[in-house]
Amino acid sequence: MEDQLIYYAVAIVAIIIALILLKRFVGCLFRTIVTVVLIAILAYIYFMYIK
């Protein structure tokens, strides 16, 4: 019985840590994705219309 309680406690702590890390990195990841999409759009415009 104690082993299961320890297992669930560790699982809950791991989920909380994962959520904190996810929340911290989502802003940076979102900015990176937006930047990559904008660069791709600009490259498309450059190669299709300017060149």
PDB file of N, CA and C in Angstrom:
ATOM      1  N   MET A   1       0.827  -1.197   0.000  1.00  0.00           N
ATOM      2  CA  MET A   1       0.000   0.000   0.000  1.00  0.00           C
ATOM      3  C   MET A   1       0.866   1.253   0.000  1.00  0.00           C
ATOM      4  N   GLU A   2       1.935   1.248   0.777  1.00  0.00           N
ATOM      5  CA  GLU A   2       2.810   2.416   0.836  1.00  0.00           C
ATOM      6  C   GLU A   2       3.533   2.639  -0.487  1.00  0.00           C
ATOM      7  N   ASP A   3       3.876   1.556  -1.180  1.00  0.00           N
ATOM      8  CA  ASP A   3       4.572   1.691  -2.459  1.00  0.00           C
ATOM      9  C   ASP A   3       3.703   2.434  -3.474  1.00  0.00           C
ATOM     10  N   GLN A   4       2.405   2.115  -3.487  1.00  0.00           N
ATOM     11  CA  GLN A   4       1.501   2.790  -4.412  1.00  0.00           C
ATOM     12  C   GLN A   4       1.366   4.266  -4.054  1.00  0.00           C
ATOM     13  N   LEU A   5       1.316   4.566  -2.770  1.00  0.00           N
ATOM     14  CA  LEU A   5       1.195   5.958  -2.325  1.00  0.00           C
ATOM     15  C   LEU A   5       2.431   6.745  -2.737  1.00  0.00           C
ATOM     16  N   ILE A   6       3.602   6.165  -2.570  1.00  0.00           N
ATOM     17  CA  ILE A   6       4.848   6.828  -2.980  1.00  0.00           C
ATOM     18  C   ILE A   6       4.866   6.999  -4.502  1.00  0.00           C
ATOM     19  N   TYR A   7       4.429   5.989  -5.236  1.00  0.00           N
ATOM     20  CA  TYR A   7       4.393   6.062  -6.696  1.00  0.00           C
ATOM     21  C   TYR A   7       3.500   7.217  -7.150  1.00  0.00           C
ATOM     22  N   TYR A   8       2.299   7.331  -6.570  1.00  0.00           N
ATOM     23  CA  TYR A   8       1.383   8.398  -6.963  1.00  0.00           C
ATOM     24  C   TYR A   8       1.915   9.768  -6.554  1.00  0.00           C
ATOM     25  N   ALA A   9       2.558   9.859  -5.405  1.00  0.00           N
ATOM     26  CA  ALA A   9       3.135  11.129  -4.962  1.00  0.00           C
ATOM     27  C   ALA A   9       4.239  11.576  -5.931  1.00  0.00           C
ATOM     28  N   VAL A  10       5.091  10.649  -6.328  1.00  0.00           N
ATOM     29  CA  VAL A  10       6.161  10.976  -7.274  1.00  0.00           C
ATOM     30  C   VAL A  10       5.569  11.348  -8.629  1.00  0.00           C
ATOM     31  N   ALA A  11       4.526  10.660  -9.069  1.00  0.00           N
ATOM     32  CA  ALA A  11       3.886  10.965 -10.345  1.00  0.00           C
ATOM     33  C   ALA A  11       3.269  12.360 -10.319  1.00  0.00           C
ATOM     34  N   ILE A  12       2.629  12.725  -9.223  1.00  0.00           N
ATOM     35  CA  ILE A  12       2.024  14.056  -9.100  1.00  0.00           C
ATOM     36  C   ILE A  12       3.099  15.135  -9.106  1.00  0.00           C
ATOM     37  N   VAL A  13       4.191  14.919  -8.391  1.00  0.00           N
ATOM     38  CA  VAL A  13       5.295  15.879  -8.382  1.00  0.00           C
ATOM     39  C   VAL A  13       5.887  16.017  -9.780  1.00  0.00           C
ATOM     40  N   ALA A  14       6.047  14.915 -10.495  1.00  0.00           N
ATOM     41  CA  ALA A  14       6.595  14.960 -11.850  1.00  0.00           C
ATOM     42  C   ALA A  14       5.663  15.732 -12.784  1.00  0.00           C
ATOM     43  N   ILE A  15       4.364  15.549 -12.643  1.00  0.00           N
ATOM     44  CA  ILE A  15       3.399  16.270 -13.483  1.00  0.00           C
ATOM     45  C   ILE A  15       3.455  17.764 -13.186  1.00  0.00           C
ATOM     46  N   ILE A  16       3.553  18.125 -11.915  1.00  0.00           N
ATOM     47  CA  ILE A  16       3.631  19.544 -11.541  1.00  0.00           C
ATOM     48  C   ILE A  16       4.891  20.179 -12.107  1.00  0.00           C
ATOM     49  N   ILE A  17       6.025  19.496 -12.000  1.00  0.00           N
ATOM     50  CA  ILE A  17       7.287  20.024 -12.538  1.00  0.00           C
ATOM     51  C   ILE A  17       7.194  20.154 -14.056  1.00  0.00           C
ATOM     52  N   ALA A  18       6.594  19.174 -14.722  1.00  0.00           N
ATOM     53  CA  ALA A  18       6.447  19.236 -16.174  1.00  0.00           C
ATOM     54  C   ALA A  18       5.571  20.417 -16.584  1.00  0.00           C
ATOM     55  N   LEU A  19       4.491  20.663 -15.847  1.00  0.00           N
ATOM     56  CA  LEU A  19       3.612  21.796 -16.168  1.00  0.00           C
ATOM     57  C   LEU A  19       4.334  23.128 -15.975  1.00  0.00           C
ATOM     58  N   ILE A  20       5.126  23.243 -14.905  1.00  0.00           N
ATOM     59  CA  ILE A  20       5.874  24.482 -14.672  1.00  0.00           C
ATOM     60  C   ILE A  20       6.879  24.710 -15.797  1.00  0.00           C
ATOM     61  N   LEU A  21       7.612  23.664 -16.175  1.00  0.00           N
ATOM     62  CA  LEU A  21       8.590  23.809 -17.254  1.00  0.00           C
ATOM     63  C   LEU A  21       7.898  24.112 -18.583  1.00  0.00           C
ATOM     64  N   LEU A  22       6.779  23.463 -18.856  1.00  0.00           N
ATOM     65  CA  LEU A  22       6.033  23.704 -20.089  1.00  0.00           C
ATOM     66  C   LEU A  22       5.555  25.148 -20.146  1.00  0.00           C
ATOM     67  N   LYS A  23       5.037  25.636 -19.036  1.00  0.00           N
ATOM     68  CA  LYS A  23       4.551  27.012 -18.984  1.00  0.00           C
ATOM     69  C   LYS A  23       5.692  28.003 -19.220  1.00  0.00           C
ATOM     70  N   ARG A  24       6.873  27.701 -18.706  1.00  0.00           N
ATOM     71  CA  ARG A  24       8.017  28.589 -18.857  1.00  0.00           C
ATOM     72  C   ARG A  24       8.519  28.616 -20.294  1.00  0.00           C
ATOM     73  N   PHE A  25       8.505  27.465 -20.998  1.00  0.00           N
ATOM     74  CA  PHE A  25       9.087  27.382 -22.333  1.00  0.00           C
ATOM     75  C   PHE A  25       8.088  27.636 -23.460  1.00  0.00           C
ATOM     76  N   VAL A  26       6.801  27.648 -23.154  1.00  0.00           N
ATOM     77  CA  VAL A  26       5.807  27.829 -24.215  1.00  0.00           C
ATOM     78  C   VAL A  26       5.940  29.201 -24.857  1.00  0.00           C
ATOM     79  N   GLY A  27       6.186  30.242 -24.064  1.00  0.00           N
ATOM     80  CA  GLY A  27       6.336  31.587 -24.623  1.00  0.00           C
ATOM     81  C   GLY A  27       7.491  31.643 -25.600  1.00  0.00           C
ATOM     82  N   CYS A  28       8.619  31.077 -25.238  1.00  0.00           N
ATOM     83  CA  CYS A  28       9.798  31.079 -26.094  1.00  0.00           C
ATOM     84  C   CYS A  28       9.544  30.229 -27.338  1.00  0.00           C
ATOM     85  N   LEU A  29       8.927  29.098 -27.168  1.00  0.00           N
ATOM     86  CA  LEU A  29       8.631  28.210 -28.296  1.00  0.00           C
ATOM     87  C   LEU A  29       7.667  28.884 -29.256  1.00  0.00           C
ATOM     88  N   PHE A  30       6.648  29.552 -28.745  1.00  0.00           N
ATOM     89  CA  PHE A  30       5.664  30.233 -29.573  1.00  0.00           C
ATOM     90  C   PHE A  30       6.333  31.337 -30.387  1.00  0.00           C
ATOM     91  N   ARG A  31       7.211  32.123 -29.742  1.00  0.00           N
ATOM     92  CA  ARG A  31       7.922  33.185 -30.467  1.00  0.00           C
ATOM     93  C   ARG A  31       8.811  32.601 -31.556  1.00  0.00           C
ATOM     94  N   THR A  32       9.462  31.485 -31.284  1.00  0.00           N
ATOM     95  CA  THR A  32      10.324  30.845 -32.270  1.00  0.00           C
ATOM     96  C   THR A  32       9.511  30.373 -33.477  1.00  0.00           C
ATOM     97  N   ILE A  33       8.371  29.753 -33.231  1.00  0.00           N
ATOM     98  CA  ILE A  33       7.525  29.270 -34.323  1.00  0.00           C
ATOM     99  C   ILE A  33       7.029  30.438 -35.170  1.00  0.00           C
ATOM    100  N   VAL A  34       6.595  31.516 -34.533  1.00  0.00           N
ATOM    101  CA  VAL A  34       6.119  32.688 -35.273  1.00  0.00           C
ATOM    102  C   VAL A  34       7.244  33.269 -36.121  1.00  0.00           C
ATOM    103  N   THR A  35       8.448  33.350 -35.571  1.00  0.00           N
ATOM    104  CA  THR A  35       9.586  33.882 -36.321  1.00  0.00           C
ATOM    105  C   THR A  35       9.903  33.009 -37.528  1.00  0.00           C
ATOM    106  N   VAL A  36       9.904  31.702 -37.361  1.00  0.00           N
ATOM    107  CA  VAL A  36      10.190  30.789 -38.473  1.00  0.00           C
ATOM    108  C   VAL A  36       9.123  30.917 -39.562  1.00  0.00           C
ATOM    109  N   VAL A  37       7.862  31.035 -39.172  1.00  0.00           N
ATOM    110  CA  VAL A  37       6.782  31.180 -40.149  1.00  0.00           C
ATOM    111  C   VAL A  37       6.943  32.491 -40.919  1.00  0.00           C
ATOM    112  N   LEU A  38       7.254  33.578 -40.221  1.00  0.00           N
ATOM    113  CA  LEU A  38       7.454  34.860 -40.899  1.00  0.00           C
ATOM    114  C   LEU A  38       8.627  34.814 -41.871  1.00  0.00           C
ATOM    115  N   ILE A  39       9.711  34.185 -41.480  1.00  0.00           N
ATOM    116  CA  ILE A  39      10.870  34.055 -42.372  1.00  0.00           C
ATOM    117  C   ILE A  39      10.490  33.223 -43.602  1.00  0.00           C
ATOM    118  N   ALA A  40       9.726  32.165 -43.409  1.00  0.00           N
ATOM    119  CA  ALA A  40       9.296  31.335 -44.534  1.00  0.00           C
ATOM    120  C   ALA A  40       8.411  32.132 -45.487  1.00  0.00           C
ATOM    121  N   ILE A  41       7.500  32.938 -44.956  1.00  0.00           N
ATOM    122  CA  ILE A  41       6.630  33.760 -45.807  1.00  0.00           C
ATOM    123  C   ILE A  41       7.453  34.784 -46.582  1.00  0.00           C
ATOM    124  N   LEU A  42       8.394  35.433 -45.923  1.00  0.00           N
ATOM    125  CA  LEU A  42       9.242  36.408 -46.610  1.00  0.00           C
ATOM    126  C   LEU A  42      10.092  35.744 -47.686  1.00  0.00           C
ATOM    127  N   ALA A  43      10.612  34.552 -47.416  1.00  0.00           N
ATOM    128  CA  ALA A  43      11.398  33.834 -48.419  1.00  0.00           C
ATOM    129  C   ALA A  43      10.519  33.458 -49.606  1.00  0.00           C
ATOM    130  N   TYR A  44       9.306  33.030 -49.355  1.00  0.00           N
ATOM    131  CA  TYR A  44       8.379  32.688 -50.434  1.00  0.00           C
ATOM    132  C   TYR A  44       8.100  33.912 -51.308  1.00  0.00           C
ATOM    133  N   ILE A  45       7.809  35.037 -50.679  1.00  0.00           N
ATOM    134  CA  ILE A  45       7.550  36.268 -51.432  1.00  0.00           C
ATOM    135  C   ILE A  45       8.776  36.659 -52.244  1.00  0.00           C
ATOM    136  N   TYR A  46       9.945  36.550 -51.662  1.00  0.00           N
ATOM    137  CA  TYR A  46      11.175  36.913 -52.351  1.00  0.00           C
ATOM    138  C   TYR A  46      11.371  36.059 -53.600  1.00  0.00           C
ATOM    139  N   PHE A  47      11.255  34.742 -53.462  1.00  0.00           N
ATOM    140  CA  PHE A  47      11.521  33.854 -54.585  1.00  0.00           C
ATOM    141  C   PHE A  47      10.413  33.865 -55.627  1.00  0.00           C
ATOM    142  N   MET A  48       9.192  34.148 -55.240  1.00  0.00           N
ATOM    143  CA  MET A  48       8.081  34.124 -56.198  1.00  0.00           C
ATOM    144  C   MET A  48       7.912  35.444 -56.958  1.00  0.00           C
ATOM    145  N   TYR A  49       8.161  36.565 -56.305  1.00  0.00           N
ATOM    146  CA  TYR A  49       7.824  37.831 -56.926  1.00  0.00           C
ATOM    147  C   TYR A  49       9.022  38.719 -57.243  1.00  0.00           C
ATOM    148  N   ILE A  50      10.031  38.695 -56.405  1.00  0.00           N
ATOM    149  CA  ILE A  50      11.151  39.610 -56.587  1.00  0.00           C
ATOM    150  C   ILE A  50      12.202  39.023 -57.507  1.00  0.00           C
ATOM    151  N   LYS A  51      12.502  37.775 -57.377  1.00  0.00           N
ATOM    152  CA  LYS A  51      13.580  37.155 -58.152  1.00  0.00           C
ATOM    153  C   LYS A  51      13.131  36.790 -59.543  1.00  0.00           C
TER     154      LYS A  51
END
